[in-house]
Protein backbone atom coordinates (compact mmCIF):
# COMPACT_ATOMS: atom_id res chain seq x y z
CA MET A 1 80.09 123.98 53.94
CA TRP A 2 82.24 120.47 54.33
CA GLN A 3 82.31 118.44 51.51
CA VAL A 4 83.97 114.87 51.93
CA LEU A 5 84.59 113.27 48.27
CA SER A 6 85.56 109.40 47.65
CA VAL A 7 87.07 108.40 44.89
CA PRO A 8 85.59 104.47 44.42
CA HIS A 9 88.14 101.28 44.79
CA SER A 10 87.71 97.80 43.79
CA ARG A 11 86.97 96.88 47.39
CA LEU A 12 85.35 99.80 48.59
CA THR A 13 81.60 99.58 49.16
CA LEU A 14 81.31 103.04 51.18
CA ALA A 15 83.67 105.65 51.98
CA LEU A 16 82.71 107.71 54.87
CA LEU A 17 84.43 110.31 56.97
CA VAL A 18 83.74 112.14 60.43
CA SER A 19 85.29 115.33 59.90
CA SER A 20 84.17 117.08 63.29
CA PRO A 21 82.26 115.92 66.61
CA ASP A 22 78.88 116.97 65.03
CA SER A 23 79.51 114.79 61.92
CA ILE A 24 79.52 111.89 64.48
CA MET A 25 75.34 112.37 64.63
CA TYR A 26 75.15 112.78 60.72
CA THR A 27 77.36 109.30 60.13
CA GLN A 28 74.77 107.56 62.53
CA ALA A 29 71.95 108.88 60.49
CA LEU A 30 73.56 108.02 57.66
CA ILE A 31 74.09 104.29 58.87
CA CYS A 32 70.77 104.34 59.85
CA ASP A 33 69.26 105.33 56.74
CA SER A 34 71.13 103.66 54.76
CA GLY A 35 71.83 100.54 56.28
CA GLY A 36 74.84 98.43 56.01
CA THR A 37 78.24 98.01 57.48
CA VAL A 38 81.10 100.51 58.41
CA THR A 39 84.55 98.37 58.50
CA LYS A 40 87.64 99.89 59.97
CA PRO A 41 90.67 99.33 57.89
CA LEU A 42 94.23 98.34 59.10
CA ALA A 43 96.22 100.88 60.47
CA LYS A 44 98.95 100.27 57.67
CA GLN A 45 96.11 100.87 55.03
CA ILE A 46 95.03 104.04 55.86
CA PHE A 47 97.22 107.68 55.97
CA LEU A 48 95.75 111.01 56.91
CA LEU A 49 97.48 113.91 54.99
CA PRO A 50 96.82 117.30 57.07
CA GLN A 51 96.87 120.93 55.59
CA ARG A 52 100.08 121.34 57.55
CA PRO A 53 101.89 118.07 57.67
CA TYR A 54 103.94 116.85 60.28
CA LEU A 55 107.72 117.28 59.90
CA PRO A 56 110.08 115.31 62.34
CA HIS A 57 114.20 116.27 62.86
CA GLY A 58 115.78 114.57 60.74
CA THR A 59 117.17 114.57 56.84
CA LEU A 60 114.69 115.21 53.68
CA ARG A 61 114.96 111.51 53.44
CA ASP A 62 113.15 111.63 56.55
CA GLN A 63 110.85 113.71 55.95
CA ILE A 64 109.58 111.48 52.95
CA ILE A 65 109.52 107.94 54.51
CA TYR A 66 107.92 109.16 58.01
CA PRO A 67 107.37 107.35 59.97
CA ASP A 68 109.43 104.72 58.47
CA THR A 69 112.99 104.17 59.34
CA VAL A 70 115.75 104.32 56.92
CA PRO A 71 115.81 100.55 57.72
CA MET A 72 112.59 99.69 57.38
CA MET A 73 112.94 101.73 53.49
CA HIS A 74 115.70 99.28 52.35
CA MET A 75 113.72 96.27 54.00
CA SER A 76 110.88 97.44 51.46
CA ASN A 77 113.47 97.42 48.79
CA THR A 78 113.10 100.87 48.20
CA THR A 79 115.82 103.33 47.29
CA ASP A 80 116.81 106.87 47.03
CA ARG A 81 116.20 106.78 43.38
CA HIS A 82 112.68 105.73 43.79
CA LEU A 83 112.21 108.58 46.54
CA LEU A 84 113.83 111.23 43.79
CA LYS A 85 110.94 109.51 41.12
CA HIS A 86 108.76 111.25 43.38
CA LEU A 87 110.23 114.17 43.99
CA LYS A 88 110.53 114.80 39.98
CA THR A 89 107.10 114.26 39.79
CA LEU A 90 106.05 116.64 42.22
CA GLU A 91 108.91 119.05 40.35
CA ILE A 92 110.73 119.27 43.42
CA SER A 93 113.66 117.28 42.57
CA SER A 94 115.46 120.19 42.90
CA LEU A 95 115.55 119.73 46.67
CA VAL A 96 118.17 116.94 45.97
CA THR A 97 120.04 117.73 42.99
CA LYS A 98 120.64 121.24 44.09
CA ASN A 99 121.90 120.49 47.11
CA PRO A 100 125.46 118.83 48.27
CA SER A 101 123.84 116.29 50.68
CA GLY A 102 121.05 115.54 48.60
CA PHE A 103 118.98 113.60 50.69
CA ASP A 104 121.11 113.80 53.83
CA PHE A 105 120.59 117.39 54.14
CA THR A 106 119.34 117.80 57.60
CA SER A 107 117.16 120.60 59.30
CA ALA A 108 116.13 121.03 62.74
CA ASN A 109 113.01 122.71 61.64
CA TRP A 110 111.79 121.96 58.69
CA ALA A 111 108.78 124.30 58.30
CA ASP A 112 111.12 127.36 58.54
CA VAL A 113 113.08 125.84 55.59
CA LEU A 114 110.03 125.18 53.39
CA SER A 115 107.37 126.77 52.68
CA ILE A 116 103.81 125.57 53.29
CA GLY A 117 103.33 124.71 49.60
CA MET A 118 106.94 123.00 49.68
CA GLN A 119 105.69 120.96 52.79
CA GLN A 120 102.75 119.93 51.12
CA ARG A 121 104.60 118.44 48.26
CA ILE A 122 106.56 116.82 50.46
CA ALA A 123 103.75 115.14 52.17
CA MET A 124 102.58 113.92 49.03
CA ALA A 125 105.25 112.24 48.24
CA ARG A 126 105.41 110.85 51.11
CA LEU A 127 101.81 109.40 50.37
CA PHE A 128 102.99 108.05 46.83
CA TYR A 129 105.97 105.99 49.11
CA HIS A 130 103.64 104.96 51.16
CA ARG A 131 100.86 103.57 48.87
CA PRO A 132 98.06 102.98 51.37
CA ARG A 133 95.10 101.88 50.20
CA PHE A 134 92.91 104.68 51.56
CA ALA A 135 94.14 108.50 52.19
CA ILE A 136 92.16 111.06 53.80
CA LEU A 137 93.15 114.25 52.04
CA ASP A 138 92.36 117.14 55.05
CA GLU A 139 92.99 120.35 52.38
CA CYS A 140 96.17 119.11 52.08
CA THR A 141 96.49 120.99 48.64
CA SER A 142 95.45 124.43 49.63
CA SER A 143 98.60 125.81 49.44
CA VAL A 144 100.04 124.60 45.99
CA THR A 145 98.57 125.75 42.51
CA PRO A 146 95.80 123.92 40.33
CA GLU A 147 98.07 122.65 38.27
CA MET A 148 100.21 120.79 40.74
CA GLU A 149 96.81 119.90 42.50
CA GLU A 150 95.68 118.02 39.34
CA ILE A 151 99.38 116.45 39.19
CA MET A 152 98.84 115.06 42.71
CA TYR A 153 95.51 113.88 42.22
CA PHE A 154 96.57 112.04 39.09
CA GLU A 155 99.44 110.36 40.46
CA ALA A 156 97.23 108.89 43.63
CA LYS A 157 94.77 107.76 41.51
CA ARG A 158 97.28 105.99 38.99
CA LEU A 159 99.02 104.71 42.26
CA GLY A 160 95.20 103.12 42.94
CA ILE A 161 94.73 105.25 46.02
CA THR A 162 91.39 105.36 47.40
CA LEU A 163 90.82 109.60 48.15
CA LEU A 164 88.52 111.04 50.75
CA THR A 165 89.17 114.34 50.28
CA VAL A 166 87.77 117.19 52.40
CA SER A 167 88.16 120.06 50.69
CA HIS A 168 86.06 123.64 49.68
CA ARG A 169 87.88 123.37 46.08
CA ARG A 170 85.42 122.93 43.07
CA SER A 171 88.44 121.96 41.05
CA LEU A 172 88.71 118.48 42.99
CA TRP A 173 85.42 117.45 42.11
CA ARG A 174 85.99 115.91 38.55
CA TRP A 175 87.94 113.01 40.74
CA HIS A 176 85.78 111.57 42.63
CA LYS A 177 82.70 110.07 41.70
CA LYS A 178 81.13 110.53 45.51
CA ILE A 179 80.07 113.07 47.80
CA LEU A 180 79.01 113.50 51.46
CA GLN A 181 77.65 117.23 52.00
CA PHE A 182 77.01 118.57 55.28
CA ASP A 183 74.60 121.66 54.74
CA GLY A 184 75.44 122.97 58.57
CA ARG A 185 72.05 122.94 59.63
CA GLY A 186 71.99 119.22 60.51
CA GLY A 187 71.03 117.58 56.90
CA TYR A 188 73.22 115.59 54.73
CA PHE A 189 73.07 114.86 51.22
CA PHE A 190 75.09 111.58 50.04
CA GLY A 191 75.10 110.41 46.48
CA ASP A 192 77.19 110.20 42.92
CA LEU A 193 78.79 113.27 42.16
CA ASP A 194 78.58 114.16 38.06
CA ALA A 195 81.30 116.95 38.27
CA GLU A 196 80.49 118.09 35.54
CA LYS A 197 76.43 118.54 35.57
CA ARG A 198 76.78 119.85 39.22
CA LEU A 199 79.78 122.44 37.74
CA ALA A 200 77.26 123.48 34.90
CA LEU A 201 74.62 124.31 37.36
CA GLU A 202 76.36 126.53 39.22
CA GLU A 203 77.63 128.58 36.42
């Protein structure tokens, strides 16, 4: 059962995520039933974090600012100090402070250097750096602890990022106000999500 959750944005009227080809039919049905308009954000306004993030060949800095380049980072008045702040928030600043090369540390295959949980933290640092208007989080916290997951969502919310989350974790419910739930039989539910009430009913 897929669940798509979203945090309301001050300029957002309906957040909707198509999570599979079959979901296109559900999306069309939802629009027909509810009415309204679906508007696609500009590419620079939306960011995707998959379960296994893409890690390009390059430095540690490159992993955080991807797909930006270092000159683009400088043009945005961002420094390594800002990047380090994100890593501290995610409790992985030791990648820089305990490495003589710091942000210039380079690997040809970061997937071999970092665990999947560490990769997911790097991807979240990437999200914080870009600070888009919208972010699609597709099971991107599946390999981190609940405590770290809470840190990630708290910081994303503090930065004002509207989150559309695909997850089976009930621990994420409290960060969202709306739910789009498919039952696997062609039906769906879209409405308000009262996390406390819903969790109490399932106990």
